[in-house]
All heavy atoms as atom14 arrays in JSON, in Angstrom:
{
  "sequence": "NERLDVYLGQYSRKIEIPIFYEDLLRFSGSVVVYDEDDNDTLWVRVF",
  "atom14_mask": [
    [1, 1, 1, 1, 1, 1, 1, 1, 0, 0, 0, 0, 0, 0],
    [1, 1, 1, 1, 1, 1, 1, 1, 1, 0, 0, 0, 0, 0],
    [1, 1, 1, 1, 1, 1, 1, 1, 1, 1, 1, 0, 0, 0],
    [1, 1, 1, 1, 1, 1, 1, 1, 0, 0, 0, 0, 0, 0],
    [1, 1, 1, 1, 1, 1, 1, 1, 0, 0, 0, 0, 0, 0],
    [1, 1, 1, 1, 1, 1, 1, 0, 0, 0, 0, 0, 0, 0],
    [1, 1, 1, 1, 1, 1, 1, 1, 1, 1, 1, 1, 0, 0],
    [1, 1, 1, 1, 1, 1, 1, 1, 0, 0, 0, 0, 0, 0],
    [1, 1, 1, 1, 0, 0, 0, 0, 0, 0, 0, 0, 0, 0],
    [1, 1, 1, 1, 1, 1, 1, 1, 1, 0, 0, 0, 0, 0],
    [1, 1, 1, 1, 1, 1, 1, 1, 1, 1, 1, 1, 0, 0],
    [1, 1, 1, 1, 1, 1, 0, 0, 0, 0, 0, 0, 0, 0],
    [1, 1, 1, 1, 1, 1, 1, 1, 1, 1, 1, 0, 0, 0],
    [1, 1, 1, 1, 1, 1, 1, 1, 1, 0, 0, 0, 0, 0],
    [1, 1, 1, 1, 1, 1, 1, 1, 0, 0, 0, 0, 0, 0],
    [1, 1, 1, 1, 1, 1, 1, 1, 1, 0, 0, 0, 0, 0],
    [1, 1, 1, 1, 1, 1, 1, 1, 0, 0, 0, 0, 0, 0],
    [1, 1, 1, 1, 1, 1, 1, 0, 0, 0, 0, 0, 0, 0],
    [1, 1, 1, 1, 1, 1, 1, 1, 0, 0, 0, 0, 0, 0],
    [1, 1, 1, 1, 1, 1, 1, 1, 1, 1, 1, 0, 0, 0],
    [1, 1, 1, 1, 1, 1, 1, 1, 1, 1, 1, 1, 0, 0],
    [1, 1, 1, 1, 1, 1, 1, 1, 1, 0, 0, 0, 0, 0],
    [1, 1, 1, 1, 1, 1, 1, 1, 0, 0, 0, 0, 0, 0],
    [1, 1, 1, 1, 1, 1, 1, 1, 0, 0, 0, 0, 0, 0],
    [1, 1, 1, 1, 1, 1, 1, 1, 0, 0, 0, 0, 0, 0],
    [1, 1, 1, 1, 1, 1, 1, 1, 1, 1, 1, 0, 0, 0],
    [1, 1, 1, 1, 1, 1, 1, 1, 1, 1, 1, 0, 0, 0],
    [1, 1, 1, 1, 1, 1, 0, 0, 0, 0, 0, 0, 0, 0],
    [1, 1, 1, 1, 0, 0, 0, 0, 0, 0, 0, 0, 0, 0],
    [1, 1, 1, 1, 1, 1, 0, 0, 0, 0, 0, 0, 0, 0],
    [1, 1, 1, 1, 1, 1, 1, 0, 0, 0, 0, 0, 0, 0],
    [1, 1, 1, 1, 1, 1, 1, 0, 0, 0, 0, 0, 0, 0],
    [1, 1, 1, 1, 1, 1, 1, 0, 0, 0, 0, 0, 0, 0],
    [1, 1, 1, 1, 1, 1, 1, 1, 1, 1, 1, 1, 0, 0],
    [1, 1, 1, 1, 1, 1, 1, 1, 0, 0, 0, 0, 0, 0],
    [1, 1, 1, 1, 1, 1, 1, 1, 1, 0, 0, 0, 0, 0],
    [1, 1, 1, 1, 1, 1, 1, 1, 0, 0, 0, 0, 0, 0],
    [1, 1, 1, 1, 1, 1, 1, 1, 0, 0, 0, 0, 0, 0],
    [1, 1, 1, 1, 1, 1, 1, 1, 0, 0, 0, 0, 0, 0],
    [1, 1, 1, 1, 1, 1, 1, 1, 0, 0, 0, 0, 0, 0],
    [1, 1, 1, 1, 1, 1, 1, 0, 0, 0, 0, 0, 0, 0],
    [1, 1, 1, 1, 1, 1, 1, 1, 0, 0, 0, 0, 0, 0],
    [1, 1, 1, 1, 1, 1, 1, 1, 1, 1, 1, 1, 1, 1],
    [1, 1, 1, 1, 1, 1, 1, 0, 0, 0, 0, 0, 0, 0],
    [1, 1, 1, 1, 1, 1, 1, 1, 1, 1, 1, 0, 0, 0],
    [1, 1, 1, 1, 1, 1, 1, 0, 0, 0, 0, 0, 0, 0],
    [1, 1, 1, 1, 1, 1, 1, 1, 1, 1, 1, 0, 0, 0]
  ],
  "atom14_positions": [
    [[96.11, 80.82, 84.04], [94.89, 80.62, 83.39], [93.81, 81.56, 84.23], [94.07, 82.1, 85.23], [94.45, 79.2, 83.34], [94.26, 78.52, 84.65], [93.87, 79.14, 85.53], [94.52, 77.22, 84.75], [0.0, 0.0, 0.0], [0.0, 0.0, 0.0], [0.0, 0.0, 0.0], [0.0, 0.0, 0.0], [0.0, 0.0, 0.0], [0.0, 0.0, 0.0]],
    [[92.59, 81.55, 83.61], [91.59, 82.32, 84.16], [91.21, 82.01, 85.57], [90.96, 82.86, 86.45], [90.3, 82.25, 83.27], [89.26, 83.24, 83.61], [87.97, 83.28, 82.75], [88.16, 82.68, 81.63], [86.96, 83.75, 83.14], [0.0, 0.0, 0.0], [0.0, 0.0, 0.0], [0.0, 0.0, 0.0], [0.0, 0.0, 0.0], [0.0, 0.0, 0.0]],
    [[91.02, 80.74, 85.82], [90.81, 80.33, 87.24], [91.77, 80.65, 88.25], [91.49, 81.07, 89.44], [90.51, 78.8, 87.23], [89.39, 78.29, 86.52], [89.05, 76.86, 86.65], [88.62, 76.49, 88.04], [88.58, 75.29, 88.46], [88.99, 74.28, 87.71], [88.23, 75.03, 89.76], [0.0, 0.0, 0.0], [0.0, 0.0, 0.0], [0.0, 0.0, 0.0]],
    [[93.1, 80.5, 87.83], [94.11, 80.88, 88.85], [94.17, 82.4, 88.95], [94.47, 82.94, 90.11], [95.52, 80.42, 88.3], [96.75, 80.66, 89.13], [96.54, 80.17, 90.6], [98.01, 80.03, 88.48], [0.0, 0.0, 0.0], [0.0, 0.0, 0.0], [0.0, 0.0, 0.0], [0.0, 0.0, 0.0], [0.0, 0.0, 0.0], [0.0, 0.0, 0.0]],
    [[93.93, 83.15, 87.97], [93.89, 84.56, 88.01], [92.77, 84.97, 88.9], [93.01, 85.9, 89.78], [93.6, 85.2, 86.62], [93.67, 86.67, 86.53], [94.92, 87.18, 86.91], [92.7, 87.37, 86.28], [0.0, 0.0, 0.0], [0.0, 0.0, 0.0], [0.0, 0.0, 0.0], [0.0, 0.0, 0.0], [0.0, 0.0, 0.0], [0.0, 0.0, 0.0]],
    [[91.55, 84.41, 88.89], [90.53, 84.69, 89.86], [90.9, 84.43, 91.31], [90.71, 85.12, 92.26], [89.24, 83.82, 89.44], [88.16, 84.15, 90.54], [88.68, 84.49, 88.15], [0.0, 0.0, 0.0], [0.0, 0.0, 0.0], [0.0, 0.0, 0.0], [0.0, 0.0, 0.0], [0.0, 0.0, 0.0], [0.0, 0.0, 0.0], [0.0, 0.0, 0.0]],
    [[91.56, 83.26, 91.51], [92.11, 82.81, 92.77], [93.05, 83.88, 93.45], [92.91, 84.29, 94.53], [92.73, 81.5, 92.75], [93.59, 81.0, 93.92], [92.96, 80.32, 94.9], [94.92, 81.4, 94.03], [93.73, 79.82, 96.06], [95.61, 81.02, 95.19], [95.03, 80.26, 96.09], [95.69, 79.93, 97.26], [0.0, 0.0, 0.0], [0.0, 0.0, 0.0]],
    [[93.99, 84.42, 92.62], [94.9, 85.31, 93.02], [94.25, 86.6, 93.5], [94.6, 87.18, 94.48], [96.0, 85.67, 91.92], [96.9, 84.47, 91.57], [97.65, 84.68, 90.27], [97.85, 84.07, 92.7], [0.0, 0.0, 0.0], [0.0, 0.0, 0.0], [0.0, 0.0, 0.0], [0.0, 0.0, 0.0], [0.0, 0.0, 0.0], [0.0, 0.0, 0.0]],
    [[93.23, 86.99, 92.71], [92.51, 88.19, 93.12], [91.73, 87.97, 94.4], [91.75, 88.91, 95.27], [0.0, 0.0, 0.0], [0.0, 0.0, 0.0], [0.0, 0.0, 0.0], [0.0, 0.0, 0.0], [0.0, 0.0, 0.0], [0.0, 0.0, 0.0], [0.0, 0.0, 0.0], [0.0, 0.0, 0.0], [0.0, 0.0, 0.0], [0.0, 0.0, 0.0]],
    [[91.16, 86.84, 94.63], [90.41, 86.55, 95.87], [91.33, 86.56, 96.99], [90.79, 87.02, 98.16], [89.81, 85.15, 95.67], [88.86, 84.74, 96.95], [88.37, 83.34, 96.75], [88.47, 82.69, 95.69], [87.52, 82.93, 97.62], [0.0, 0.0, 0.0], [0.0, 0.0, 0.0], [0.0, 0.0, 0.0], [0.0, 0.0, 0.0], [0.0, 0.0, 0.0]],
    [[92.64, 86.27, 96.91], [93.47, 86.23, 98.04], [94.54, 87.29, 98.0], [95.63, 87.22, 98.65], [94.14, 84.85, 98.21], [93.17, 83.78, 98.62], [92.64, 82.96, 97.54], [92.72, 83.63, 99.89], [91.65, 81.86, 98.07], [91.79, 82.63, 100.19], [91.33, 81.77, 99.33], [90.35, 80.91, 99.61], [0.0, 0.0, 0.0], [0.0, 0.0, 0.0]],
    [[94.14, 88.51, 97.41], [94.9, 89.69, 97.43], [96.26, 89.51, 96.9], [97.31, 90.19, 97.28], [94.98, 90.31, 98.84], [93.71, 90.49, 99.4], [0.0, 0.0, 0.0], [0.0, 0.0, 0.0], [0.0, 0.0, 0.0], [0.0, 0.0, 0.0], [0.0, 0.0, 0.0], [0.0, 0.0, 0.0], [0.0, 0.0, 0.0], [0.0, 0.0, 0.0]],
    [[96.55, 88.63, 95.95], [97.83, 88.37, 95.34], [97.75, 89.2, 93.95], [98.9, 89.43, 93.4], [98.1, 86.97, 94.96], [98.14, 86.08, 96.21], [99.27, 86.41, 97.08], [99.6, 85.27, 97.97], [100.54, 85.32, 99.01], [101.15, 86.58, 99.23], [100.83, 84.33, 99.69], [0.0, 0.0, 0.0], [0.0, 0.0, 0.0], [0.0, 0.0, 0.0]],
    [[96.69, 89.44, 93.4], [96.51, 90.17, 92.17], [96.17, 91.7, 92.38], [95.12, 91.98, 92.84], [95.38, 89.62, 91.17], [95.31, 90.2, 89.96], [94.08, 89.63, 89.2], [93.73, 90.46, 87.89], [92.56, 89.92, 87.22], [0.0, 0.0, 0.0], [0.0, 0.0, 0.0], [0.0, 0.0, 0.0], [0.0, 0.0, 0.0], [0.0, 0.0, 0.0]],
    [[97.23, 92.55, 92.18], [96.97, 94.02, 92.4], [97.65, 94.68, 91.19], [98.85, 94.42, 90.8], [97.65, 94.39, 93.73], [96.93, 93.67, 94.85], [97.65, 95.89, 93.93], [97.57, 93.92, 96.28], [0.0, 0.0, 0.0], [0.0, 0.0, 0.0], [0.0, 0.0, 0.0], [0.0, 0.0, 0.0], [0.0, 0.0, 0.0], [0.0, 0.0, 0.0]],
    [[97.0, 95.76, 90.74], [97.51, 96.48, 89.64], [98.8, 97.27, 89.98], [98.83, 97.88, 91.11], [96.42, 97.57, 89.2], [96.87, 98.29, 87.96], [95.81, 99.18, 87.45], [94.63, 99.1, 87.91], [96.01, 99.98, 86.45], [0.0, 0.0, 0.0], [0.0, 0.0, 0.0], [0.0, 0.0, 0.0], [0.0, 0.0, 0.0], [0.0, 0.0, 0.0]],
    [[99.78, 97.1, 89.29], [101.02, 97.81, 89.52], [101.44, 98.64, 88.25], [101.01, 98.5, 87.28], [102.12, 96.7, 89.79], [102.27, 95.78, 88.49], [102.08, 96.05, 90.92], [103.52, 94.78, 88.62], [0.0, 0.0, 0.0], [0.0, 0.0, 0.0], [0.0, 0.0, 0.0], [0.0, 0.0, 0.0], [0.0, 0.0, 0.0], [0.0, 0.0, 0.0]],
    [[102.25, 99.74, 88.67], [102.57, 100.76, 87.53], [103.65, 100.42, 86.67], [104.04, 101.28, 85.71], [102.87, 101.83, 88.45], [103.54, 101.36, 89.59], [102.85, 100.04, 89.83], [0.0, 0.0, 0.0], [0.0, 0.0, 0.0], [0.0, 0.0, 0.0], [0.0, 0.0, 0.0], [0.0, 0.0, 0.0], [0.0, 0.0, 0.0], [0.0, 0.0, 0.0]],
    [[104.32, 99.29, 86.78], [105.43, 98.93, 85.85], [105.44, 97.52, 85.59], [104.95, 96.65, 86.4], [106.77, 99.36, 86.5], [107.89, 99.3, 85.5], [107.07, 98.51, 87.81], [109.21, 99.97, 86.0], [0.0, 0.0, 0.0], [0.0, 0.0, 0.0], [0.0, 0.0, 0.0], [0.0, 0.0, 0.0], [0.0, 0.0, 0.0], [0.0, 0.0, 0.0]],
    [[105.91, 97.02, 84.48], [105.94, 95.67, 84.05], [107.35, 95.12, 83.75], [108.29, 95.98, 83.58], [105.17, 95.57, 82.71], [103.69, 95.75, 82.94], [103.1, 97.05, 82.51], [102.82, 94.81, 83.53], [101.77, 97.21, 82.61], [101.5, 95.13, 83.62], [100.9, 96.26, 83.3], [0.0, 0.0, 0.0], [0.0, 0.0, 0.0], [0.0, 0.0, 0.0]],
    [[107.49, 93.86, 83.78], [108.85, 93.34, 83.58], [109.5, 93.83, 82.26], [110.62, 94.15, 82.2], [108.68, 91.78, 83.35], [110.02, 90.99, 83.25], [110.84, 90.68, 84.18], [110.33, 90.69, 81.93], [112.06, 90.01, 83.97], [111.56, 90.04, 81.68], [112.32, 89.63, 82.69], [113.55, 89.08, 82.39], [0.0, 0.0, 0.0], [0.0, 0.0, 0.0]],
    [[108.65, 93.93, 81.26], [109.23, 94.39, 79.87], [109.66, 95.74, 79.96], [110.56, 96.16, 79.23], [108.05, 94.25, 78.92], [107.47, 92.83, 78.65], [108.64, 91.95, 78.0], [109.5, 92.46, 77.29], [108.5, 90.7, 78.22], [0.0, 0.0, 0.0], [0.0, 0.0, 0.0], [0.0, 0.0, 0.0], [0.0, 0.0, 0.0], [0.0, 0.0, 0.0]],
    [[109.08, 96.58, 80.9], [109.64, 98.02, 80.9], [111.06, 98.04, 81.49], [111.79, 98.9, 81.0], [108.71, 98.74, 81.95], [107.23, 98.87, 81.46], [107.13, 99.02, 80.24], [106.35, 98.88, 82.3], [0.0, 0.0, 0.0], [0.0, 0.0, 0.0], [0.0, 0.0, 0.0], [0.0, 0.0, 0.0], [0.0, 0.0, 0.0], [0.0, 0.0, 0.0]],
    [[111.45, 97.07, 82.36], [112.81, 97.09, 82.91], [113.81, 96.56, 81.89], [114.96, 96.78, 82.19], [112.87, 96.22, 84.22], [111.97, 96.82, 85.34], [112.03, 95.82, 86.55], [112.42, 98.16, 85.86], [0.0, 0.0, 0.0], [0.0, 0.0, 0.0], [0.0, 0.0, 0.0], [0.0, 0.0, 0.0], [0.0, 0.0, 0.0], [0.0, 0.0, 0.0]],
    [[113.35, 95.95, 80.81], [114.28, 95.43, 79.8], [114.84, 96.57, 79.0], [115.64, 96.44, 78.12], [113.65, 94.49, 78.93], [113.35, 93.05, 79.62], [112.52, 92.11, 78.67], [114.65, 92.43, 79.9], [0.0, 0.0, 0.0], [0.0, 0.0, 0.0], [0.0, 0.0, 0.0], [0.0, 0.0, 0.0], [0.0, 0.0, 0.0], [0.0, 0.0, 0.0]],
    [[114.36, 97.81, 79.12], [114.61, 98.96, 78.28], [115.97, 99.6, 78.81], [116.07, 100.78, 78.54], [113.52, 99.92, 78.16], [112.24, 99.39, 77.55], [111.32, 100.56, 77.07], [111.08, 101.52, 78.07], [109.99, 101.57, 78.82], [109.06, 100.68, 78.74], [109.86, 102.62, 79.7], [0.0, 0.0, 0.0], [0.0, 0.0, 0.0], [0.0, 0.0, 0.0]],
    [[116.8, 98.87, 79.45], [117.99, 99.58, 80.0], [118.92, 99.91, 78.74], [118.99, 99.16, 77.79], [118.7, 98.74, 80.99], [118.97, 97.29, 80.74], [120.16, 97.0, 79.95], [118.17, 96.32, 80.93], [120.48, 95.59, 79.7], [118.38, 94.92, 80.67], [119.59, 94.69, 79.97], [0.0, 0.0, 0.0], [0.0, 0.0, 0.0], [0.0, 0.0, 0.0]],
    [[119.75, 100.93, 79.06], [120.7, 101.34, 77.99], [122.09, 100.94, 78.14], [122.97, 100.99, 77.31], [120.68, 102.91, 77.83], [120.99, 103.48, 79.1], [0.0, 0.0, 0.0], [0.0, 0.0, 0.0], [0.0, 0.0, 0.0], [0.0, 0.0, 0.0], [0.0, 0.0, 0.0], [0.0, 0.0, 0.0], [0.0, 0.0, 0.0], [0.0, 0.0, 0.0]],
    [[122.43, 100.46, 79.29], [123.82, 99.95, 79.59], [123.82, 99.05, 80.86], [122.78, 99.06, 81.6], [0.0, 0.0, 0.0], [0.0, 0.0, 0.0], [0.0, 0.0, 0.0], [0.0, 0.0, 0.0], [0.0, 0.0, 0.0], [0.0, 0.0, 0.0], [0.0, 0.0, 0.0], [0.0, 0.0, 0.0], [0.0, 0.0, 0.0], [0.0, 0.0, 0.0]],
    [[124.96, 98.44, 81.12], [125.11, 97.53, 82.37], [126.62, 97.38, 82.65], [127.46, 97.56, 81.81], [124.43, 96.19, 82.06], [125.05, 95.54, 81.1], [0.0, 0.0, 0.0], [0.0, 0.0, 0.0], [0.0, 0.0, 0.0], [0.0, 0.0, 0.0], [0.0, 0.0, 0.0], [0.0, 0.0, 0.0], [0.0, 0.0, 0.0], [0.0, 0.0, 0.0]],
    [[126.78, 97.0, 83.86], [128.13, 96.68, 84.32], [128.02, 95.42, 85.22], [127.02, 95.09, 85.78], [128.8, 97.78, 85.19], [129.05, 99.04, 84.37], [127.98, 98.04, 86.39], [0.0, 0.0, 0.0], [0.0, 0.0, 0.0], [0.0, 0.0, 0.0], [0.0, 0.0, 0.0], [0.0, 0.0, 0.0], [0.0, 0.0, 0.0], [0.0, 0.0, 0.0]],
    [[128.97, 94.63, 85.16], [129.14, 93.26, 85.88], [129.08, 93.58, 87.37], [129.87, 94.45, 87.86], [130.17, 92.46, 85.5], [130.28, 91.18, 86.28], [130.17, 92.08, 84.07], [0.0, 0.0, 0.0], [0.0, 0.0, 0.0], [0.0, 0.0, 0.0], [0.0, 0.0, 0.0], [0.0, 0.0, 0.0], [0.0, 0.0, 0.0], [0.0, 0.0, 0.0]],
    [[128.39, 92.81, 88.26], [128.33, 92.96, 89.63], [129.26, 91.75, 90.22], [128.98, 90.66, 89.9], [126.93, 92.76, 90.24], [126.98, 92.8, 91.76], [125.95, 93.93, 89.7], [0.0, 0.0, 0.0], [0.0, 0.0, 0.0], [0.0, 0.0, 0.0], [0.0, 0.0, 0.0], [0.0, 0.0, 0.0], [0.0, 0.0, 0.0], [0.0, 0.0, 0.0]],
    [[130.23, 92.22, 90.98], [131.18, 91.21, 91.48], [130.97, 91.19, 93.04], [130.46, 92.08, 93.68], [132.54, 91.67, 91.38], [133.0, 91.72, 89.81], [133.01, 92.84, 89.09], [133.48, 90.54, 89.26], [133.47, 92.84, 87.78], [133.86, 90.48, 87.91], [133.86, 91.71, 87.13], [134.16, 91.75, 85.81], [0.0, 0.0, 0.0], [0.0, 0.0, 0.0]],
    [[131.27, 89.98, 93.65], [131.07, 89.82, 95.04], [132.35, 90.37, 95.72], [133.3, 90.87, 95.11], [130.87, 88.37, 95.45], [131.96, 87.43, 95.09], [133.14, 87.86, 94.79], [131.71, 86.2, 95.11], [0.0, 0.0, 0.0], [0.0, 0.0, 0.0], [0.0, 0.0, 0.0], [0.0, 0.0, 0.0], [0.0, 0.0, 0.0], [0.0, 0.0, 0.0]],
    [[132.46, 90.16, 97.11], [133.51, 90.73, 97.83], [134.91, 90.11, 97.55], [135.93, 90.61, 97.79], [133.23, 90.7, 99.33], [133.03, 89.29, 99.92], [132.6, 89.22, 101.28], [132.34, 90.37, 101.86], [132.71, 88.06, 101.9], [0.0, 0.0, 0.0], [0.0, 0.0, 0.0], [0.0, 0.0, 0.0], [0.0, 0.0, 0.0], [0.0, 0.0, 0.0]],
    [[134.82, 88.92, 96.87], [136.06, 88.23, 96.43], [136.35, 88.44, 95.03], [137.22, 87.72, 94.48], [135.96, 86.72, 96.79], [135.77, 86.48, 98.28], [136.43, 87.06, 99.05], [134.99, 85.62, 98.64], [0.0, 0.0, 0.0], [0.0, 0.0, 0.0], [0.0, 0.0, 0.0], [0.0, 0.0, 0.0], [0.0, 0.0, 0.0], [0.0, 0.0, 0.0]],
    [[135.68, 89.38, 94.35], [135.83, 89.71, 92.92], [135.52, 88.52, 91.96], [136.0, 88.39, 90.91], [137.36, 90.04, 92.61], [137.72, 91.46, 93.17], [136.78, 92.25, 93.33], [138.89, 91.6, 93.58], [0.0, 0.0, 0.0], [0.0, 0.0, 0.0], [0.0, 0.0, 0.0], [0.0, 0.0, 0.0], [0.0, 0.0, 0.0], [0.0, 0.0, 0.0]],
    [[134.5, 87.76, 92.44], [133.84, 86.74, 91.56], [132.62, 87.23, 90.9], [131.95, 88.06, 91.5], [133.54, 85.52, 92.33], [134.7, 84.84, 92.99], [135.87, 84.64, 92.42], [134.65, 84.44, 94.29], [0.0, 0.0, 0.0], [0.0, 0.0, 0.0], [0.0, 0.0, 0.0], [0.0, 0.0, 0.0], [0.0, 0.0, 0.0], [0.0, 0.0, 0.0]],
    [[132.54, 86.91, 89.69], [131.33, 87.31, 88.9], [130.03, 86.7, 89.49], [129.97, 85.47, 89.67], [131.43, 86.86, 87.46], [130.3, 87.42, 86.53], [129.29, 87.91, 87.1], [130.43, 87.29, 85.25], [0.0, 0.0, 0.0], [0.0, 0.0, 0.0], [0.0, 0.0, 0.0], [0.0, 0.0, 0.0], [0.0, 0.0, 0.0], [0.0, 0.0, 0.0]],
    [[129.08, 87.5, 89.94], [127.88, 87.02, 90.52], [126.77, 86.55, 89.56], [125.77, 86.07, 90.02], [127.24, 88.13, 91.53], [126.85, 89.19, 90.66], [128.28, 88.54, 92.51], [0.0, 0.0, 0.0], [0.0, 0.0, 0.0], [0.0, 0.0, 0.0], [0.0, 0.0, 0.0], [0.0, 0.0, 0.0], [0.0, 0.0, 0.0], [0.0, 0.0, 0.0]],
    [[127.06, 86.67, 88.35], [126.15, 86.48, 87.18], [125.02, 87.53, 87.18], [123.89, 87.36, 86.48], [125.52, 85.14, 87.27], [126.7, 83.97, 87.19], [125.98, 82.62, 87.32], [127.4, 84.08, 85.79], [0.0, 0.0, 0.0], [0.0, 0.0, 0.0], [0.0, 0.0, 0.0], [0.0, 0.0, 0.0], [0.0, 0.0, 0.0], [0.0, 0.0, 0.0]],
    [[125.1, 88.54, 87.98], [124.14, 89.75, 87.91], [124.88, 90.8, 87.27], [126.03, 91.07, 87.43], [123.69, 90.13, 89.3], [122.83, 89.15, 90.12], [123.15, 88.02, 90.73], [121.39, 89.17, 90.15], [122.02, 87.4, 91.2], [120.89, 88.02, 90.85], [120.44, 90.15, 89.63], [119.64, 87.8, 91.18], [119.11, 89.92, 89.91], [118.64, 88.73, 90.7]],
    [[124.07, 91.71, 86.48], [124.66, 92.93, 86.03], [123.7, 94.07, 86.47], [122.62, 93.89, 86.58], [124.62, 92.96, 84.45], [125.69, 91.84, 83.93], [123.3, 92.73, 83.84], [0.0, 0.0, 0.0], [0.0, 0.0, 0.0], [0.0, 0.0, 0.0], [0.0, 0.0, 0.0], [0.0, 0.0, 0.0], [0.0, 0.0, 0.0], [0.0, 0.0, 0.0]],
    [[124.47, 95.21, 86.78], [123.71, 96.44, 87.16], [123.35, 97.23, 85.97], [124.18, 97.56, 85.2], [124.59, 97.17, 88.14], [123.83, 98.39, 88.84], [124.36, 98.6, 90.18], [124.09, 97.39, 91.09], [124.7, 97.34, 92.26], [125.59, 98.1, 92.67], [124.39, 96.28, 93.01], [0.0, 0.0, 0.0], [0.0, 0.0, 0.0], [0.0, 0.0, 0.0]],
    [[122.08, 97.45, 85.86], [121.65, 98.15, 84.59], [121.35, 99.66, 84.81], [121.14, 100.1, 85.87], [120.32, 97.41, 84.03], [120.69, 96.0, 83.68], [119.21, 97.55, 84.97], [0.0, 0.0, 0.0], [0.0, 0.0, 0.0], [0.0, 0.0, 0.0], [0.0, 0.0, 0.0], [0.0, 0.0, 0.0], [0.0, 0.0, 0.0], [0.0, 0.0, 0.0]],
    [[121.47, 100.26, 83.73], [121.25, 101.8, 83.77], [120.16, 102.17, 82.61], [120.18, 101.55, 81.59], [122.59, 102.5, 83.47], [123.58, 102.12, 84.52], [124.61, 101.14, 84.26], [123.64, 102.67, 85.82], [125.56, 100.81, 85.19], [124.66, 102.28, 86.79], [125.53, 101.36, 86.33], [0.0, 0.0, 0.0], [0.0, 0.0, 0.0], [0.0, 0.0, 0.0]]
  ]
}
């Protein structure tokens, strides 16, 4: 909300950034990331 937004700005938590979460969703492909024991980590590496 507006009051929390002002608070974040006051304590240097609100800073303009050049990329948004939605921008990263535009990936064209992905592969599964496995741990050292070949278990699915539930993360995918996107391209």
